[in-house]
């Protein structure tokens, strides 16, 4: 029972980290666009970097979680 609780908290932390990996670069790109007046160039770059970082983190962490 305690082991499944620990796994649940680990997955919740993973979800929060994945959301941060996606939202952080996107917001940073939006901020740069807002300050430079170049909408949507840096927003799209931030979104692409966020998606790539999220995919890589999800892949590596799920391999650890599943024991592969």
N, C-alpha and C. Protein backbone atom coordinates (compact mmCIF):
# COMPACT_ATOMS: atom_id res chain seq x y z
N UNK A 1 0.83 -1.19 0.00
CA UNK A 1 0.00 0.00 0.00
C UNK A 1 0.87 1.26 0.00
N UNK A 2 1.89 1.28 0.84
CA UNK A 2 2.75 2.45 0.90
C UNK A 2 3.52 2.64 -0.40
N UNK A 3 3.85 1.52 -1.05
CA UNK A 3 4.58 1.61 -2.32
C UNK A 3 3.72 2.25 -3.41
N UNK A 4 2.44 1.92 -3.47
CA UNK A 4 1.57 2.52 -4.48
C UNK A 4 1.34 4.00 -4.21
N UNK A 5 1.34 4.40 -2.95
CA UNK A 5 1.23 5.83 -2.61
C UNK A 5 2.45 6.59 -3.11
N UNK A 6 3.62 6.01 -2.91
CA UNK A 6 4.85 6.66 -3.35
C UNK A 6 4.85 6.78 -4.87
N UNK A 7 4.38 5.76 -5.56
CA UNK A 7 4.31 5.81 -7.01
C UNK A 7 3.32 6.88 -7.47
N UNK A 8 2.22 7.00 -6.77
CA UNK A 8 1.23 8.03 -7.10
C UNK A 8 1.79 9.43 -6.96
N UNK A 9 2.51 9.66 -5.87
CA UNK A 9 3.12 10.98 -5.67
C UNK A 9 4.21 11.25 -6.70
N UNK A 10 4.94 10.20 -7.08
CA UNK A 10 5.98 10.36 -8.10
C UNK A 10 5.35 10.74 -9.44
N UNK A 11 4.23 10.11 -9.78
CA UNK A 11 3.55 10.45 -11.03
C UNK A 11 2.94 11.84 -10.98
N UNK A 12 2.43 12.25 -9.83
CA UNK A 12 1.90 13.60 -9.70
C UNK A 12 3.01 14.63 -9.86
N UNK A 13 4.14 14.37 -9.27
CA UNK A 13 5.29 15.26 -9.43
C UNK A 13 5.77 15.29 -10.87
N UNK A 14 5.72 14.16 -11.54
CA UNK A 14 6.11 14.10 -12.94
C UNK A 14 5.15 14.93 -13.79
N UNK A 15 3.88 14.84 -13.52
CA UNK A 15 2.90 15.64 -14.27
C UNK A 15 3.12 17.12 -14.09
N UNK A 16 3.41 17.53 -12.87
CA UNK A 16 3.67 18.93 -12.59
C UNK A 16 4.94 19.40 -13.31
N UNK A 17 5.96 18.58 -13.29
CA UNK A 17 7.21 18.91 -13.97
C UNK A 17 7.01 19.00 -15.48
N UNK A 18 6.25 18.09 -16.04
CA UNK A 18 5.97 18.12 -17.47
C UNK A 18 5.20 19.37 -17.86
N UNK A 19 4.24 19.76 -17.05
CA UNK A 19 3.49 20.98 -17.33
C UNK A 19 4.40 22.20 -17.28
N UNK A 20 5.29 22.23 -16.31
CA UNK A 20 6.23 23.34 -16.21
C UNK A 20 7.19 23.40 -17.38
N UNK A 21 7.62 22.22 -17.87
CA UNK A 21 8.51 22.17 -19.03
C UNK A 21 7.83 22.70 -20.28
N UNK A 22 6.53 22.55 -20.37
CA UNK A 22 5.81 23.04 -21.54
C UNK A 22 5.42 24.50 -21.40
N UNK A 23 4.96 24.88 -20.23
CA UNK A 23 4.46 26.24 -20.03
C UNK A 23 5.60 27.26 -19.91
N UNK A 24 6.69 26.89 -19.24
CA UNK A 24 7.79 27.83 -19.01
C UNK A 24 8.37 28.44 -20.28
N UNK A 25 8.86 27.64 -21.22
CA UNK A 25 9.43 28.22 -22.45
C UNK A 25 8.39 28.95 -23.30
N UNK A 26 7.14 28.49 -23.27
CA UNK A 26 6.09 29.16 -24.03
C UNK A 26 5.85 30.56 -23.48
N UNK A 27 5.76 30.68 -22.17
CA UNK A 27 5.57 32.00 -21.57
C UNK A 27 6.77 32.90 -21.77
N UNK A 28 7.95 32.32 -21.70
CA UNK A 28 9.16 33.11 -21.95
C UNK A 28 9.19 33.62 -23.39
N UNK A 29 8.81 32.78 -24.34
CA UNK A 29 8.73 33.21 -25.74
C UNK A 29 7.70 34.31 -25.93
N UNK A 30 6.56 34.18 -25.26
CA UNK A 30 5.53 35.22 -25.34
C UNK A 30 6.06 36.54 -24.77
N UNK A 31 6.77 36.47 -23.66
CA UNK A 31 7.31 37.67 -23.03
C UNK A 31 8.33 38.36 -23.96
N UNK A 32 9.21 37.58 -24.56
CA UNK A 32 10.19 38.15 -25.49
C UNK A 32 9.47 38.79 -26.68
N UNK A 33 8.45 38.12 -27.21
CA UNK A 33 7.67 38.69 -28.31
C UNK A 33 6.99 39.97 -27.90
N UNK A 34 6.44 39.99 -26.71
CA UNK A 34 5.74 41.18 -26.21
C UNK A 34 6.70 42.36 -26.08
N UNK A 35 7.89 42.10 -25.56
CA UNK A 35 8.86 43.18 -25.37
C UNK A 35 9.49 43.63 -26.69
N UNK A 36 9.71 42.70 -27.62
CA UNK A 36 10.38 43.02 -28.88
C UNK A 36 9.40 43.38 -30.00
N UNK A 37 8.11 43.09 -29.80
CA UNK A 37 7.12 43.38 -30.82
C UNK A 37 7.22 42.46 -32.04
N UNK A 38 7.61 41.22 -31.82
CA UNK A 38 7.82 40.28 -32.92
C UNK A 38 6.85 39.11 -32.89
N UNK A 39 5.66 39.33 -32.38
CA UNK A 39 4.68 38.25 -32.23
C UNK A 39 4.44 37.55 -33.55
N UNK A 40 4.41 36.27 -33.67
CA UNK A 40 4.52 35.15 -32.75
C UNK A 40 5.81 34.36 -32.89
N UNK A 41 6.88 34.95 -33.37
CA UNK A 41 8.10 34.20 -33.67
C UNK A 41 8.65 33.48 -32.44
N UNK A 42 8.93 34.23 -31.38
CA UNK A 42 9.54 33.62 -30.19
C UNK A 42 8.55 32.76 -29.41
N UNK A 43 7.28 33.08 -29.52
CA UNK A 43 6.25 32.23 -28.90
C UNK A 43 6.29 30.84 -29.52
N UNK A 44 6.37 30.77 -30.82
CA UNK A 44 6.42 29.47 -31.50
C UNK A 44 7.72 28.74 -31.21
N UNK A 45 8.83 29.47 -31.14
CA UNK A 45 10.11 28.85 -30.79
C UNK A 45 10.04 28.29 -29.36
N UNK A 46 9.50 29.06 -28.43
CA UNK A 46 9.35 28.60 -27.06
C UNK A 46 8.43 27.39 -26.96
N UNK A 47 7.36 27.40 -27.73
CA UNK A 47 6.44 26.27 -27.73
C UNK A 47 7.13 25.01 -28.26
N UNK A 48 7.89 25.15 -29.34
CA UNK A 48 8.59 24.00 -29.91
C UNK A 48 9.64 23.45 -28.93
N UNK A 49 10.38 24.35 -28.29
CA UNK A 49 11.36 23.91 -27.29
C UNK A 49 10.68 23.25 -26.10
N UNK A 50 9.55 23.79 -25.68
CA UNK A 50 8.80 23.20 -24.57
C UNK A 50 8.28 21.81 -24.90
N UNK A 51 7.78 21.64 -26.12
CA UNK A 51 7.29 20.33 -26.53
C UNK A 51 8.44 19.33 -26.58
N UNK A 52 9.57 19.74 -27.13
CA UNK A 52 10.73 18.84 -27.20
C UNK A 52 11.23 18.46 -25.81
N UNK A 53 11.32 19.43 -24.92
CA UNK A 53 11.78 19.15 -23.55
C UNK A 53 10.80 18.25 -22.81
N UNK A 54 9.51 18.49 -23.00
CA UNK A 54 8.49 17.68 -22.34
C UNK A 54 8.53 16.25 -22.85
N UNK A 55 8.66 16.08 -24.16
CA UNK A 55 8.71 14.73 -24.73
C UNK A 55 9.93 13.96 -24.24
N UNK A 56 11.06 14.63 -24.20
CA UNK A 56 12.28 13.96 -23.74
C UNK A 56 12.18 13.57 -22.27
N UNK A 57 11.70 14.49 -21.45
CA UNK A 57 11.56 14.19 -20.02
C UNK A 57 10.55 13.08 -19.78
N UNK A 58 9.43 13.12 -20.48
CA UNK A 58 8.42 12.08 -20.32
C UNK A 58 8.98 10.72 -20.70
N UNK A 59 9.73 10.67 -21.79
CA UNK A 59 10.31 9.41 -22.24
C UNK A 59 11.29 8.85 -21.22
N UNK A 60 12.20 9.68 -20.74
CA UNK A 60 13.21 9.18 -19.80
C UNK A 60 12.60 8.81 -18.46
N UNK A 61 11.67 9.60 -17.96
CA UNK A 61 11.07 9.32 -16.65
C UNK A 61 10.15 8.11 -16.70
N UNK A 62 9.42 7.94 -17.78
CA UNK A 62 8.54 6.78 -17.86
C UNK A 62 9.35 5.50 -18.02
N UNK A 63 10.50 5.58 -18.68
CA UNK A 63 11.38 4.39 -18.74
C UNK A 63 11.84 4.00 -17.35
N UNK A 64 12.18 5.00 -16.53
CA UNK A 64 12.58 4.72 -15.13
C UNK A 64 11.42 4.13 -14.36
N UNK A 65 10.23 4.73 -14.53
CA UNK A 65 9.06 4.32 -13.75
C UNK A 65 8.63 2.90 -14.12
N UNK A 66 8.71 2.57 -15.40
CA UNK A 66 8.29 1.25 -15.83
C UNK A 66 9.37 0.20 -15.69
N UNK A 67 10.59 0.64 -15.38
CA UNK A 67 11.67 -0.29 -15.14
C UNK A 67 12.31 -0.85 -16.39
N UNK A 68 12.18 -0.16 -17.48
CA UNK A 68 12.78 -0.65 -18.74
C UNK A 68 14.19 -0.14 -18.90
